[in-house]
C-alpha atoms as a PDB file:
ATOM      1  CA  MET A   1       0.060  -0.206   0.096  1.00  0.00           C
ATOM      2  CA  SER A   2       1.523   3.461  -1.096  1.00  0.00           C
ATOM      3  CA  GLU A   3       0.897   6.449   1.035  1.00  0.00           C
ATOM      4  CA  VAL A   4      -0.482   9.535  -0.871  1.00  0.00           C
ATOM      5  CA  VAL A   5       1.780  12.488   0.341  1.00  0.00           C
ATOM      6  CA  ALA A   6       0.321  16.148  -0.637  1.00  0.00           C
ATOM      7  CA  PRO A   7       2.710  18.398  -2.426  1.00  0.00           C
ATOM      8  CA  PRO A   8       4.754  20.843  -0.157  1.00  0.00           C
ATOM      9  CA  ILE A   9       3.080  24.066   0.168  1.00  0.00           C
ATOM     10  CA  SER A  10       5.327  26.862  -0.999  1.00  0.00           C
ATOM     11  CA  ARG A  11       5.985  29.967   0.632  1.00  0.00           C
ATOM     12  CA  THR A  12       8.107  31.432  -1.902  1.00  0.00           C
ATOM     13  CA  TYR A  13       5.690  31.610  -4.594  1.00  0.00           C
ATOM     14  CA  LEU A  14       1.816  32.059  -5.168  1.00  0.00           C
ATOM     15  CA  ALA A  15       0.010  29.729  -7.424  1.00  0.00           C
ATOM     16  CA  PRO A  16      -3.000  31.148  -9.218  1.00  0.00           C
ATOM     17  CA  ASP A  17      -5.759  29.018  -7.298  1.00  0.00           C
ATOM     18  CA  ALA A  18      -3.922  30.158  -3.826  1.00  0.00           C
ATOM     19  CA  PRO A  19      -5.828  33.159  -1.916  1.00  0.00           C
ATOM     20  CA  PHE A  20      -5.278  36.507  -2.741  1.00  0.00           C
ATOM     21  CA  PRO A  21      -6.409  39.675  -1.000  1.00  0.00           C
ATOM     22  CA  VAL A  22      -9.427  41.488  -2.114  1.00  0.00           C
ATOM     23  CA  ASP A  23      -8.139  44.953  -0.911  1.00  0.00           C
ATOM     24  CA  LEU A  24      -4.389  45.446  -1.140  1.00  0.00           C
ATOM     25  CA  THR A  25      -4.847  48.793   0.448  1.00  0.00           C
ATOM     26  CA  GLU A  26      -5.249  46.797   3.816  1.00  0.00           C
ATOM     27  CA  LEU A  27      -1.806  45.383   3.811  1.00  0.00           C
ATOM     28  CA  SER A  28       1.419  47.037   5.424  1.00  0.00           C
ATOM     29  CA  LEU A  29       4.141  47.700   2.937  1.00  0.00           C
ATOM     30  CA  ALA A  30       6.084  44.998   4.043  1.00  0.00           C
ATOM     31  CA  GLU A  31       3.280  42.603   3.360  1.00  0.00           C
ATOM     32  CA  LEU A  32       2.600  44.016  -0.124  1.00  0.00           C
ATOM     33  CA  HIS A  33       6.345  43.570  -0.893  1.00  0.00           C
ATOM     34  CA  VAL A  34       6.394  39.828   0.221  1.00  0.00           C
ATOM     35  CA  LEU A  35       3.095  39.219  -1.844  1.00  0.00           C
ATOM     36  CA  HIS A  36       4.842  41.026  -4.958  1.00  0.00           C
ATOM     37  CA  SER A  37       7.715  38.780  -4.405  1.00  0.00           C
ATOM     38  CA  LYS A  38       5.517  35.753  -4.172  1.00  0.00           C
ATOM     39  CA  VAL A  39       3.593  36.594  -7.328  1.00  0.00           C
ATOM     40  CA  GLY A  40       6.929  37.536  -9.268  1.00  0.00           C
ATOM     41  CA  ARG A  41       8.493  33.914  -8.409  1.00  0.00           C
ATOM     42  CA  GLN A  42       5.183  32.595  -9.656  1.00  0.00           C
ATOM     43  CA  LEU A  43       5.502  34.654 -12.894  1.00  0.00           C
ATOM     44  CA  GLU A  44       9.079  33.032 -13.322  1.00  0.00           C
ATOM     45  CA  ARG A  45       7.775  29.482 -12.965  1.00  0.00           C
ATOM     46  CA  GLU A  46       5.125  29.772 -15.333  1.00  0.00           C
ATOM     47  CA  TYR A  47       7.496  31.587 -18.176  1.00  0.00           C
ATOM     48  CA  LEU A  48       9.954  28.668 -17.612  1.00  0.00           C
ATOM     49  CA  ALA A  49       7.391  25.915 -17.548  1.00  0.00           C
ATOM     50  CA  GLY A  50       6.296  26.093 -21.011  1.00  0.00           C
ATOM     51  CA  ALA A  51       5.489  28.288 -24.126  1.00  0.00           C
ATOM     52  CA  ALA A  52       2.005  29.154 -23.328  1.00  0.00           C
ATOM     53  CA  GLY A  53       3.723  31.844 -20.911  1.00  0.00           C
ATOM     54  CA  ALA A  54       2.086  33.132 -17.709  1.00  0.00           C
ATOM     55  CA  HIS A  55      -1.286  32.397 -16.212  1.00  0.00           C
ATOM     56  CA  PRO A  56      -3.924  35.293 -16.553  1.00  0.00           C
ATOM     57  CA  VAL A  57      -4.373  35.438 -12.855  1.00  0.00           C
ATOM     58  CA  THR A  58      -0.852  35.585 -12.184  1.00  0.00           C
ATOM     59  CA  LEU A  59      -0.441  38.537 -14.783  1.00  0.00           C
ATOM     60  CA  GLU A  60      -3.665  40.276 -13.366  1.00  0.00           C
ATOM     61  CA  ARG A  61      -2.207  40.001  -9.729  1.00  0.00           C
ATOM     62  CA  HIS A  62       1.084  41.024 -10.593  1.00  0.00           C
ATOM     63  CA  GLN A  63      -0.464  44.260 -12.488  1.00  0.00           C
ATOM     64  CA  GLU A  64      -2.529  44.873  -9.259  1.00  0.00           C
ATOM     65  CA  LEU A  65       0.467  44.601  -6.922  1.00  0.00           C
ATOM     66  CA  THR A  66       2.503  46.799  -9.329  1.00  0.00           C
ATOM     67  CA  VAL A  67      -0.413  49.602  -9.116  1.00  0.00           C
ATOM     68  CA  GLU A  68      -0.424  49.555  -5.370  1.00  0.00           C
ATOM     69  CA  LEU A  69       3.201  49.789  -4.948  1.00  0.00           C
ATOM     70  CA  ASP A  70       3.312  52.539  -7.280  1.00  0.00           C
ATOM     71  CA  ALA A  71       0.616  54.326  -5.527  1.00  0.00           C
ATOM     72  CA  ARG A  72       1.828  54.417  -2.462  1.00  0.00           C
ATOM     73  CA  GLU A  73       5.246  55.811  -3.875  1.00  0.00           C
ATOM     74  CA  ILE A  74       3.367  58.690  -5.138  1.00  0.00           C
ATOM     75  CA  VAL A  75       1.639  59.079  -2.217  1.00  0.00           C
ATOM     76  CA  ARG A  76       4.570  58.840   0.018  1.00  0.00           C
ATOM     77  CA  PRO A  77       7.686  58.953  -1.967  1.00  0.00           C
ATOM     78  CA  GLY A  78      10.899  57.811  -0.012  1.00  0.00           C
ATOM     79  CA  HIS A  79       8.625  56.504   2.615  1.00  0.00           C
ATOM     80  CA  THR A  80      10.188  52.826   3.819  1.00  0.00           C
ATOM     81  CA  SER A  81       7.839  51.866   6.356  1.00  0.00           C
END
């Protein structure tokens, strides 16, 4: 009898089917950067996985995060916390 082992949950990327915050404005800047990093790593995985390119959900999430980070930079330029 073989044991079924679930795949490990990665903490370094965010798959398209993983939960994603509805309102990015509620996140701290640090949380936003971590989420951006995870989505960026997911994009890399998807582009390297095949010719189809990135998943539309991942692309949309990346765009949402970029817009939120840019908006925070405009509102508080040079603010690091």
